[in-house]
Amino acid sequence: MTRLWEEEGADLERVTDEARIFVWGIIQMAEQGIAEQLLFNSATSGKSGRCFSLIPSPRSLIPLQWAHFGPGAISDALANTPCHTLDVDGVLRTLNDVLGSDHTLAMPGLRPCLEHFLCTSQDFGYLYGIFRGHWHADFVCLLSDLSRKQVRDEEMRRNVLREGYIKDSNIRPRRAWDLYSNRVLPYYALPSHPCVQIPDNLWTVSHSWVSPEERAEVWTPINGSKWPVPLPHATSLDHIRVELLNFGAEYVWLDVLCLRQKGRPEDEEQRKDEWKLDVPTIGSIYALPSVPCITYFNGLGLVADASEEASSSDRHWYNRVWTVQEYSTAWLPGGATGASSTAHESLYCRYSITMNPVELASRNNPSSDLFTLSYVYDMMRKRHATTELDRVFGLAYVFGCKTLPVYDEGCSPDLALAMLFKHIPASTRTSIFLQHIEAHPDDTAILLSILPSWNQLMGWAMVPA
């Protein structure tokens, strides 16, 4: 499926339509009993090396989560091998076996690189994740190149923050999940792509969050056990990994793994510090039209349910404020089964109808049409959110702000909105002010307030069509 996105000059809408049709076809063949080794095998992808069989247990209702076969994506048993049990010769043999190569320690610079990452990596999975993207690089320069990229990445994240605001909303992610090594890597460790900010082989995942009662906090070596991963009880990261691999993904941005979550008390200050930048800029990667997005409508890794009852839930993807900024023209259906594939046309139509007004409001000029503004407010008010701050930052995405306020979870909605107004385009601020006056025609004191409070903004009614 990856080849569809690699076609030179391919029409994105056509490509994604073909990809979704391909997915439905694979699912139906799987449910009809076609051998999994034929359907879910990446051995023909052009990659060499040892083939692995990934078969998560228990068996899922989602066919794409049943199994994955092919080279590159290593087993958990191998990934979890502690580095202190390995030596340079042994790890080189394993890397050659996995990658289908014949590197020797006589290659200039290779031994120091292996020794360095054996000392600094927790397990083979992380070491493999670092090496596999640079296995054909100049090993003499590899350590200095990675160190330089790390320094530049850290400087970029420091310099983009000013007093209380982010000077560039288009920020690349801090981390990515390498599905082959099954480890979360720092973004700077990904293979270099000098001409693009986001590499073509980095995909995204969008999902609704199930209620706290329906999820668990899972500690996993995938993210180095740096924080617990909130995960629905009815799935596992093994199942999700297999599904994403079968879609053709290699590197993925997934919030629960790549955005620091609440965990140990001693890590709270670091989380809050990272969230200042990372939370407001989440939408930037989803806005890129060439980045495929696997969308789970009923919860991460869960079965897609197109029923009216499921669609009306306040936990459904369509009904959450935060997913407004995760709309993607290159979406693919996560959690699809034969039952959901029969309803894929209605699912796709609702996706387009539900999200296109937001895309129109953000990509065109929302300030030119007071009806569009009212529609946006009404839509944001009707959606459900964990906190009111989610709505405020949702508006920041809709209005296409080039700069953003930092995220402060202790901030009140009114203060957050006041800070956001500084970053909204001037013409949009004018339209909001005019609508503020229109909503309160008899209040002469309105001129003194200039802009509405958060409750006033969310309280505006839809302008009749």
Protein backbone atom coordinates (compact mmCIF):
# COMPACT_ATOMS: atom_id res chain seq x y z
CA MET A 1 0.00 0.00 0.00
CA THR A 2 2.94 2.31 0.67
CA ARG A 3 3.67 2.39 -3.06
CA LEU A 4 0.43 4.30 -3.64
CA TRP A 5 1.86 7.35 -1.85
CA GLU A 6 5.22 6.98 -3.57
CA GLU A 7 3.84 7.53 -7.07
CA GLU A 8 5.40 10.64 -8.57
CA GLY A 9 2.83 13.42 -8.93
CA ALA A 10 0.00 11.16 -7.76
CA ASP A 11 -3.37 12.78 -7.11
CA LEU A 12 -3.83 12.57 -3.34
CA GLU A 13 -7.60 12.16 -3.38
CA ARG A 14 -7.40 9.37 -5.94
CA VAL A 15 -4.56 7.67 -4.08
CA THR A 16 -6.35 7.69 -0.73
CA ASP A 17 -9.59 6.46 -2.30
CA GLU A 18 -7.66 3.58 -3.88
CA ALA A 19 -5.93 2.84 -0.59
CA ARG A 20 -9.24 2.63 1.29
CA ILE A 21 -10.71 0.35 -1.38
CA PHE A 22 -7.59 -1.81 -1.13
CA VAL A 23 -8.01 -2.04 2.65
CA TRP A 24 -11.67 -3.08 2.37
CA GLY A 25 -10.68 -5.74 -0.16
CA ILE A 26 -7.94 -7.20 2.06
CA ILE A 27 -10.32 -7.30 5.02
CA GLN A 28 -13.03 -9.11 3.08
CA MET A 29 -10.54 -11.67 1.72
CA ALA A 30 -9.22 -12.27 5.25
CA GLU A 31 -12.70 -12.88 6.60
CA GLN A 32 -13.36 -15.28 3.72
CA GLY A 33 -10.43 -17.42 4.82
CA ILE A 34 -7.59 -16.42 2.49
CA ALA A 35 -4.27 -17.41 4.10
CA GLU A 36 -2.87 -14.72 6.38
CA GLN A 37 0.67 -15.44 5.15
CA LEU A 38 -0.46 -14.25 1.71
CA LEU A 39 -2.49 -11.22 2.79
CA PHE A 40 -0.28 -9.81 5.52
CA ASN A 41 3.19 -10.46 4.13
CA SER A 42 5.63 -7.64 3.39
CA ALA A 43 8.34 -9.95 2.03
CA THR A 44 7.74 -8.49 -1.45
CA SER A 45 8.41 -4.93 -0.24
CA GLY A 46 12.01 -5.03 -1.45
CA LYS A 47 13.51 -5.22 2.05
CA SER A 48 16.02 -7.95 2.80
CA GLY A 49 16.92 -9.76 5.98
CA ARG A 50 15.36 -12.28 8.32
CA CYS A 51 11.57 -12.58 8.17
CA PHE A 52 9.63 -12.35 11.41
CA SER A 53 6.14 -13.57 12.27
CA LEU A 54 4.17 -11.21 14.52
CA ILE A 55 0.95 -12.83 15.77
CA PRO A 56 -0.59 -10.97 18.72
CA SER A 57 -2.78 -12.78 21.20
CA PRO A 58 -5.69 -13.03 21.76
CA ARG A 59 -7.00 -13.00 18.21
CA SER A 60 -8.68 -9.71 17.41
CA LEU A 61 -11.97 -9.09 15.62
CA ILE A 62 -10.00 -6.75 13.33
CA PRO A 63 -8.40 -8.71 10.45
CA LEU A 64 -5.47 -6.32 10.00
CA GLN A 65 -4.50 -7.08 13.62
CA TRP A 66 -4.30 -10.83 13.12
CA ALA A 67 -0.71 -11.19 11.93
CA HIS A 68 2.18 -9.60 10.08
CA PHE A 69 4.92 -11.47 8.25
CA GLY A 70 8.07 -10.08 6.71
CA PRO A 71 11.55 -8.66 7.20
CA GLY A 72 12.48 -5.64 9.27
CA ALA A 73 9.81 -5.66 12.00
CA ILE A 74 11.51 -7.61 14.78
CA SER A 75 9.91 -9.71 17.51
CA ASP A 76 9.40 -8.47 21.06
CA ALA A 77 11.73 -11.19 22.32
CA LEU A 78 14.58 -9.77 20.25
CA ALA A 79 13.69 -6.13 20.90
CA ASN A 80 13.61 -6.70 24.67
CA THR A 81 17.09 -8.26 24.80
CA PRO A 82 19.08 -6.13 27.30
CA CYS A 83 22.16 -4.52 25.79
CA HIS A 84 24.30 -5.48 28.80
CA THR A 85 23.95 -9.13 27.71
CA LEU A 86 25.39 -8.39 24.26
CA ASP A 87 28.89 -7.75 22.96
CA VAL A 88 30.06 -5.97 19.83
CA ASP A 89 30.55 -9.14 17.79
CA GLY A 90 27.19 -10.55 18.80
CA VAL A 91 25.20 -7.40 18.12
CA LEU A 92 26.85 -7.02 14.71
CA ARG A 93 25.92 -10.59 13.79
CA THR A 94 22.32 -9.92 14.84
CA LEU A 95 22.12 -6.65 12.91
CA ASN A 96 23.52 -8.32 9.78
CA ASP A 97 21.00 -11.13 10.17
CA VAL A 98 18.04 -8.78 10.66
CA LEU A 99 19.05 -6.32 7.93
CA GLY A 100 20.36 -8.84 5.40
CA SER A 101 23.80 -7.22 5.29
CA ASP A 102 27.42 -8.33 5.59
CA HIS A 103 29.03 -5.49 7.53
CA THR A 104 32.31 -6.24 9.30
CA LEU A 105 34.17 -4.54 12.13
CA ALA A 106 36.82 -3.61 9.59
CA MET A 107 34.48 -0.91 8.26
CA PRO A 108 35.83 2.48 9.40
CA GLY A 109 33.95 3.86 12.38
CA LEU A 110 31.57 0.92 12.87
CA ARG A 111 33.12 -0.47 16.07
CA PRO A 112 32.98 2.88 17.97
CA CYS A 113 29.34 3.30 16.91
CA LEU A 114 28.40 -0.18 18.11
CA GLU A 115 30.24 0.32 21.40
CA HIS A 116 28.58 3.70 21.95
CA PHE A 117 25.04 2.46 21.39
CA LEU A 118 25.60 -0.72 23.39
CA CYS A 119 26.47 1.55 26.33
CA THR A 120 23.69 4.10 25.81
CA SER A 121 20.78 1.86 24.71
CA GLN A 122 18.55 0.02 27.16
CA ASP A 123 17.89 -2.90 24.83
CA PHE A 124 18.46 -4.23 21.33
CA GLY A 125 15.20 -2.72 20.10
CA TYR A 126 16.36 0.84 20.74
CA LEU A 127 19.84 0.12 19.33
CA TYR A 128 18.28 -1.40 16.21
CA GLY A 129 15.93 1.56 15.84
CA ILE A 130 18.85 3.97 15.83
CA PHE A 131 21.04 1.89 13.52
CA ARG A 132 18.57 0.66 10.93
CA GLY A 133 17.94 4.13 9.48
CA HIS A 134 21.69 4.78 9.21
CA TRP A 135 23.00 1.32 8.37
CA HIS A 136 24.45 2.49 5.07
CA ALA A 137 25.73 5.82 6.39
CA ASP A 138 29.33 6.90 6.93
CA PHE A 139 30.00 5.39 10.36
CA VAL A 140 33.03 7.63 10.84
CA CYS A 141 30.67 10.62 10.95
CA LEU A 142 27.52 8.98 12.35
CA LEU A 143 27.99 9.78 16.04
CA SER A 144 28.95 13.40 15.39
CA ASP A 145 26.10 13.79 12.89
CA LEU A 146 23.52 12.49 15.38
CA SER A 147 24.97 14.66 18.13
CA ARG A 148 24.75 17.72 15.89
CA LYS A 149 21.16 16.89 14.93
CA GLN A 150 20.24 16.48 18.59
CA VAL A 151 21.73 19.88 19.47
CA ARG A 152 19.91 21.54 16.57
CA ASP A 153 16.63 19.91 17.53
CA GLU A 154 16.92 21.03 21.14
CA GLU A 155 17.92 24.55 20.09
CA MET A 156 14.96 24.75 17.73
CA ARG A 157 12.52 23.81 20.50
CA ARG A 158 14.06 26.34 22.88
CA ASN A 159 14.24 29.16 20.34
CA VAL A 160 10.67 28.74 19.08
CA LEU A 161 9.39 29.59 22.56
CA ARG A 162 9.10 33.24 23.47
CA GLU A 163 7.58 34.78 26.58
CA GLY A 164 4.21 33.07 26.68
CA TYR A 165 3.93 32.17 23.01
CA ILE A 166 5.21 29.93 20.20
CA LYS A 167 6.61 31.91 17.29
CA ASP A 168 6.06 29.15 14.69
CA SER A 169 3.08 26.78 14.82
CA ASN A 170 4.63 24.44 12.24
CA ILE A 171 6.82 22.32 14.51
CA ARG A 172 7.94 18.79 13.77
CA PRO A 173 7.18 16.14 16.42
CA ARG A 174 9.52 15.50 19.34
CA ARG A 175 9.34 11.71 18.97
CA ALA A 176 8.18 8.96 16.61
CA TRP A 177 7.28 5.31 17.05
CA ASP A 178 9.50 3.09 14.90
CA LEU A 179 7.25 0.13 14.14
CA TYR A 180 10.16 -2.02 12.93
CA SER A 181 12.20 -1.78 16.13
CA ASN A 182 9.03 -1.28 18.22
CA ARG A 183 10.68 1.60 20.03
CA VAL A 184 9.93 5.30 20.40
CA LEU A 185 12.84 7.29 19.00
CA PRO A 186 13.74 10.97 19.24
CA TYR A 187 12.78 12.67 16.01
CA TYR A 188 16.36 13.70 15.25
CA ALA A 189 17.37 10.02 15.12
CA LEU A 190 15.15 9.32 12.12
CA PRO A 191 16.89 9.07 8.73
CA SER A 192 17.68 12.52 7.36
CA HIS A 193 15.45 14.09 4.74
CA PRO A 194 17.21 17.37 3.90
CA CYS A 195 14.52 18.72 1.56
CA VAL A 196 11.45 18.13 3.75
CA GLN A 197 10.61 18.82 7.37
CA ILE A 198 8.46 15.68 7.73
CA PRO A 199 9.71 12.53 5.95
CA ASP A 200 7.34 10.65 3.66
CA ASN A 201 7.58 7.48 5.76
CA LEU A 202 6.23 9.16 8.92
CA TRP A 203 2.50 8.50 9.32
CA THR A 204 0.04 9.64 11.98
CA VAL A 205 -2.68 8.04 14.07
CA SER A 206 -5.85 9.84 15.14
CA HIS A 207 -8.22 8.32 17.67
CA SER A 208 -10.92 9.12 20.14
CA TRP A 209 -10.15 8.49 23.79
CA VAL A 210 -12.34 6.00 25.61
CA SER A 211 -13.54 6.87 29.12
CA PRO A 212 -11.09 6.42 32.03
CA GLU A 213 -13.06 3.38 33.20
CA GLU A 214 -12.45 1.67 29.84
CA ARG A 215 -8.70 2.12 29.73
CA ALA A 216 -5.60 1.14 31.67
CA GLU A 217 -2.22 2.74 32.29
CA VAL A 218 0.30 0.41 30.63
CA TRP A 219 4.03 0.54 31.33
CA THR A 220 5.96 -0.64 28.28
CA PRO A 221 9.56 -0.85 27.03
CA ILE A 222 8.31 0.60 23.73
CA ASN A 223 8.71 4.11 25.16
CA GLY A 224 11.46 3.10 27.55
CA SER A 225 8.91 2.96 30.39
CA LYS A 226 9.19 6.75 30.64
CA TRP A 227 5.45 7.14 31.28
CA PRO A 228 2.38 4.87 31.43
CA VAL A 229 0.52 4.56 28.13
CA PRO A 230 -3.28 5.08 28.36
CA LEU A 231 -4.74 2.17 26.40
CA PRO A 232 -8.25 0.71 26.03
CA HIS A 233 -8.71 -2.57 27.91
CA ALA A 234 -9.88 -4.30 24.72
CA THR A 235 -6.64 -3.88 22.77
CA SER A 236 -2.86 -3.90 23.11
CA LEU A 237 0.09 -2.11 21.54
CA ASP A 238 1.02 -5.42 19.88
CA HIS A 239 -2.33 -5.47 18.05
CA ILE A 240 -2.04 -1.82 17.06
CA ARG A 241 1.53 -2.29 15.82
CA VAL A 242 0.54 -5.22 13.60
CA GLU A 243 -2.37 -3.29 12.11
CA LEU A 244 -0.19 -0.26 11.34
CA LEU A 245 2.46 -2.47 9.76
CA ASN A 246 -0.17 -4.11 7.57
CA PHE A 247 -1.27 -0.67 6.40
CA GLY A 248 2.32 -0.11 5.26
CA ALA A 249 3.48 2.29 7.96
CA GLU A 250 7.09 2.40 9.14
CA TYR A 251 7.34 5.38 11.49
CA VAL A 252 4.23 6.69 13.26
CA TRP A 253 3.29 9.62 15.47
CA LEU A 254 0.85 8.36 18.11
CA ASP A 255 0.05 10.67 21.01
CA VAL A 256 -0.03 8.12 23.84
CA LEU A 257 3.48 6.95 22.94
CA CYS A 258 5.08 10.10 21.52
CA LEU A 259 3.52 12.85 23.66
CA ARG A 260 4.64 12.60 27.28
CA GLN A 261 1.71 11.51 29.46
CA LYS A 262 1.07 11.93 33.18
CA GLY A 263 3.03 9.38 35.18
CA ARG A 264 5.57 9.57 37.96
CA PRO A 265 5.31 12.63 40.24
CA GLU A 266 8.99 13.40 39.70
CA ASP A 267 8.39 13.66 35.93
CA GLU A 268 5.50 16.14 36.13
CA GLU A 269 7.60 19.27 35.64
CA GLN A 270 9.16 17.82 32.49
CA ARG A 271 5.72 16.87 31.15
CA LYS A 272 4.34 20.36 31.75
CA ASP A 273 7.40 21.89 30.13
CA GLU A 274 7.07 19.69 27.02
CA TRP A 275 3.32 20.30 26.80
CA LYS A 276 3.85 24.07 26.52
CA LEU A 277 5.09 23.46 22.98
CA ASP A 278 3.93 19.97 22.04
CA VAL A 279 0.19 20.23 22.76
CA PRO A 280 -0.56 23.44 20.80
CA THR A 281 1.41 22.24 17.77
CA ILE A 282 -0.04 18.72 17.50
CA GLY A 283 -2.21 19.70 14.53
CA SER A 284 0.72 20.69 12.31
CA ILE A 285 1.64 17.15 11.29
CA TYR A 286 -2.00 16.24 10.51
CA ALA A 287 -2.30 19.31 8.27
CA LEU A 288 0.26 17.95 5.80
CA PRO A 289 -1.71 16.49 2.87
CA SER A 290 0.90 13.86 2.02
CA VAL A 291 0.98 12.27 5.50
CA PRO A 292 -1.34 9.24 5.76
CA CYS A 293 -3.44 9.12 8.92
CA ILE A 294 -4.92 5.95 10.43
CA THR A 295 -8.17 7.02 12.11
CA TYR A 296 -9.81 5.02 14.91
CA PHE A 297 -13.36 6.30 15.32
CA ASN A 298 -14.32 4.32 18.45
CA GLY A 299 -11.09 4.28 20.42
CA LEU A 300 -7.44 3.47 19.79
CA GLY A 301 -7.07 -0.04 18.35
CA LEU A 302 -10.79 -0.77 18.69
CA VAL A 303 -13.33 -2.04 16.16
CA ALA A 304 -14.84 0.65 13.93
CA ASP A 305 -18.56 0.78 14.67
CA ALA A 306 -20.66 2.68 12.12
CA SER A 307 -23.93 2.22 14.03
CA GLU A 308 -26.00 5.24 15.00
CA GLU A 309 -25.67 4.37 18.69
CA ALA A 310 -21.86 4.35 18.52
CA SER A 311 -21.75 7.47 16.35
CA SER A 312 -23.85 9.43 18.84
CA SER A 313 -21.58 8.61 21.79
CA ASP A 314 -19.79 11.57 23.34
CA ARG A 315 -16.62 9.48 23.03
CA HIS A 316 -16.92 8.98 19.25
CA TRP A 317 -14.25 10.55 17.06
CA TYR A 318 -16.83 12.75 15.31
CA ASN A 319 -17.96 14.22 18.60
CA ARG A 320 -14.64 15.25 20.18
CA VAL A 321 -13.22 18.76 20.06
CA TRP A 322 -9.62 17.64 19.84
CA THR A 323 -10.08 15.59 16.66
CA VAL A 324 -11.04 18.72 14.69
CA GLN A 325 -7.35 19.43 14.16
CA GLU A 326 -6.64 15.81 13.22
CA TYR A 327 -8.74 15.82 10.08
CA SER A 328 -6.68 14.49 7.19
CA THR A 329 -7.39 14.18 3.49
CA ALA A 330 -5.23 11.02 3.53
CA TRP A 331 -7.16 9.13 6.20
CA LEU A 332 -7.42 5.36 6.37
CA PRO A 333 -9.92 3.40 8.50
CA GLY A 334 -8.37 1.93 11.63
CA GLY A 335 -10.22 -0.94 13.30
CA ALA A 336 -12.08 -1.87 10.13
CA THR A 337 -13.88 -5.22 9.85
CA GLY A 338 -16.09 -6.80 7.23
CA ALA A 339 -19.11 -5.25 8.95
CA SER A 340 -17.65 -1.74 8.92
CA SER A 341 -16.40 -2.12 5.36
CA THR A 342 -19.96 -2.60 4.08
CA ALA A 343 -20.74 0.83 5.52
CA HIS A 344 -17.55 2.47 4.30
CA GLU A 345 -19.32 4.80 1.87
CA SER A 346 -21.50 6.33 4.57
CA LEU A 347 -18.48 6.47 6.89
CA TYR A 348 -16.47 8.34 4.28
CA CYS A 349 -19.33 10.70 3.42
CA ARG A 350 -19.88 11.61 7.06
CA TYR A 351 -16.15 12.20 7.49
CA SER A 352 -16.14 14.63 4.57
CA ILE A 353 -19.37 16.42 5.51
CA THR A 354 -18.46 16.72 9.17
CA MET A 355 -14.98 18.06 8.67
CA ASN A 356 -15.04 20.07 5.45
CA PRO A 357 -16.56 23.22 7.04
CA VAL A 358 -13.60 23.32 9.41
CA GLU A 359 -11.17 22.80 6.56
CA LEU A 360 -12.92 25.63 4.71
CA ALA A 361 -12.75 27.88 7.75
CA SER A 362 -9.07 27.21 8.34
CA ARG A 363 -7.74 27.19 4.79
CA ASN A 364 -9.87 29.96 3.37
CA ASN A 365 -10.37 33.23 5.23
CA PRO A 366 -12.82 32.61 8.08
CA SER A 367 -13.05 36.33 8.84
CA SER A 368 -14.82 37.05 5.57
CA ASP A 369 -18.00 35.27 6.58
CA LEU A 370 -19.75 35.75 9.92
CA PHE A 371 -21.89 32.70 9.17
CA THR A 372 -18.73 30.59 8.96
CA LEU A 373 -17.58 31.96 12.30
CA SER A 374 -20.91 31.14 13.91
CA TYR A 375 -20.87 27.68 12.39
CA VAL A 376 -17.41 27.07 13.85
CA TYR A 377 -18.46 28.26 17.31
CA ASP A 378 -21.59 26.13 17.18
CA MET A 379 -19.67 23.06 16.07
CA MET A 380 -17.03 23.51 18.78
CA ARG A 381 -19.70 24.03 21.43
CA LYS A 382 -21.58 20.85 20.49
CA ARG A 383 -18.47 18.67 20.60
CA HIS A 384 -17.25 17.14 23.83
CA ALA A 385 -13.95 17.98 25.47
CA THR A 386 -11.94 16.91 28.48
CA THR A 387 -11.29 20.57 29.34
CA GLU A 388 -12.41 23.92 27.96
CA LEU A 389 -8.80 24.57 26.99
CA ASP A 390 -9.25 21.91 24.30
CA ARG A 391 -11.88 24.13 22.69
CA VAL A 392 -9.66 27.21 22.85
CA PHE A 393 -6.74 25.48 21.15
CA GLY A 394 -9.16 23.89 18.67
CA LEU A 395 -10.10 27.41 17.58
CA ALA A 396 -6.41 28.24 17.17
CA TYR A 397 -6.17 25.48 14.58
CA VAL A 398 -9.39 26.50 12.81
CA PHE A 399 -8.26 30.10 12.53
CA GLY A 400 -4.93 29.03 11.04
CA CYS A 401 -2.77 30.86 13.59
CA LYS A 402 0.88 31.11 12.52
CA THR A 403 1.92 31.78 16.12
CA LEU A 404 0.32 30.28 19.22
CA PRO A 405 0.07 30.77 22.97
CA VAL A 406 1.88 28.13 25.01
CA TYR A 407 -0.22 25.45 26.69
CA ASP A 408 -0.80 26.00 30.40
CA GLU A 409 -3.27 23.51 31.86
CA GLY A 410 -3.82 25.77 34.88
CA CYS A 411 -4.99 28.66 32.72
CA SER A 412 -8.67 29.69 32.75
CA PRO A 413 -10.60 29.61 29.44
CA ASP A 414 -11.03 33.41 29.50
CA LEU A 415 -7.31 34.02 29.96
CA ALA A 416 -6.44 31.39 27.33
CA LEU A 417 -8.85 33.05 24.89
CA ALA A 418 -7.38 36.48 25.63
CA MET A 419 -3.91 35.12 24.85
CA LEU A 420 -5.21 33.42 21.71
CA PHE A 421 -6.67 36.70 20.39
CA LYS A 422 -3.13 38.04 20.11
CA HIS A 423 -2.35 35.34 17.57
CA ILE A 424 -5.56 35.31 15.51
CA PRO A 425 -5.20 37.14 12.16
CA ALA A 426 -6.21 40.80 12.43
CA SER A 427 -9.11 40.52 9.99
CA THR A 428 -10.51 37.60 12.00
CA ARG A 429 -10.30 39.61 15.21
CA THR A 430 -12.26 42.38 13.50
CA SER A 431 -15.00 39.96 12.48
CA ILE A 432 -15.20 38.55 16.01
CA PHE A 433 -15.51 42.09 17.39
CA LEU A 434 -18.29 42.93 14.91
CA GLN A 435 -20.17 39.76 15.78
CA HIS A 436 -19.67 40.57 19.47
CA ILE A 437 -21.44 43.90 18.92
CA GLU A 438 -24.16 42.26 16.81
CA ALA A 439 -24.85 39.76 19.57
CA HIS A 440 -25.34 42.56 22.14
CA PRO A 441 -26.94 45.48 20.20
CA ASP A 442 -28.38 47.24 23.27
CA ASP A 443 -25.27 47.09 25.44
CA THR A 444 -23.37 50.38 25.04
CA ALA A 445 -20.67 49.19 27.42
CA ILE A 446 -19.78 46.48 24.91
CA LEU A 447 -17.37 48.83 23.18
CA LEU A 448 -15.23 48.91 26.30
CA SER A 449 -14.73 45.15 26.34
CA ILE A 450 -13.74 45.00 22.64
CA LEU A 451 -13.67 41.19 22.60
CA PRO A 452 -16.02 38.58 24.07
CA SER A 453 -15.42 36.35 27.05
CA TRP A 454 -15.14 32.62 26.49
CA ASN A 455 -18.71 31.98 27.64
CA GLN A 456 -20.02 34.71 25.34
CA LEU A 457 -18.12 33.27 22.38
CA MET A 458 -19.46 29.77 22.97
CA GLY A 459 -22.95 31.15 23.62
CA TRP A 460 -23.46 32.74 20.23
CA ALA A 461 -26.26 31.08 18.29
CA MET A 462 -25.97 29.90 14.74
CA VAL A 463 -26.78 32.62 12.23
CA PRO A 464 -29.79 31.37 10.19
CA ALA A 465 -28.96 30.22 6.70
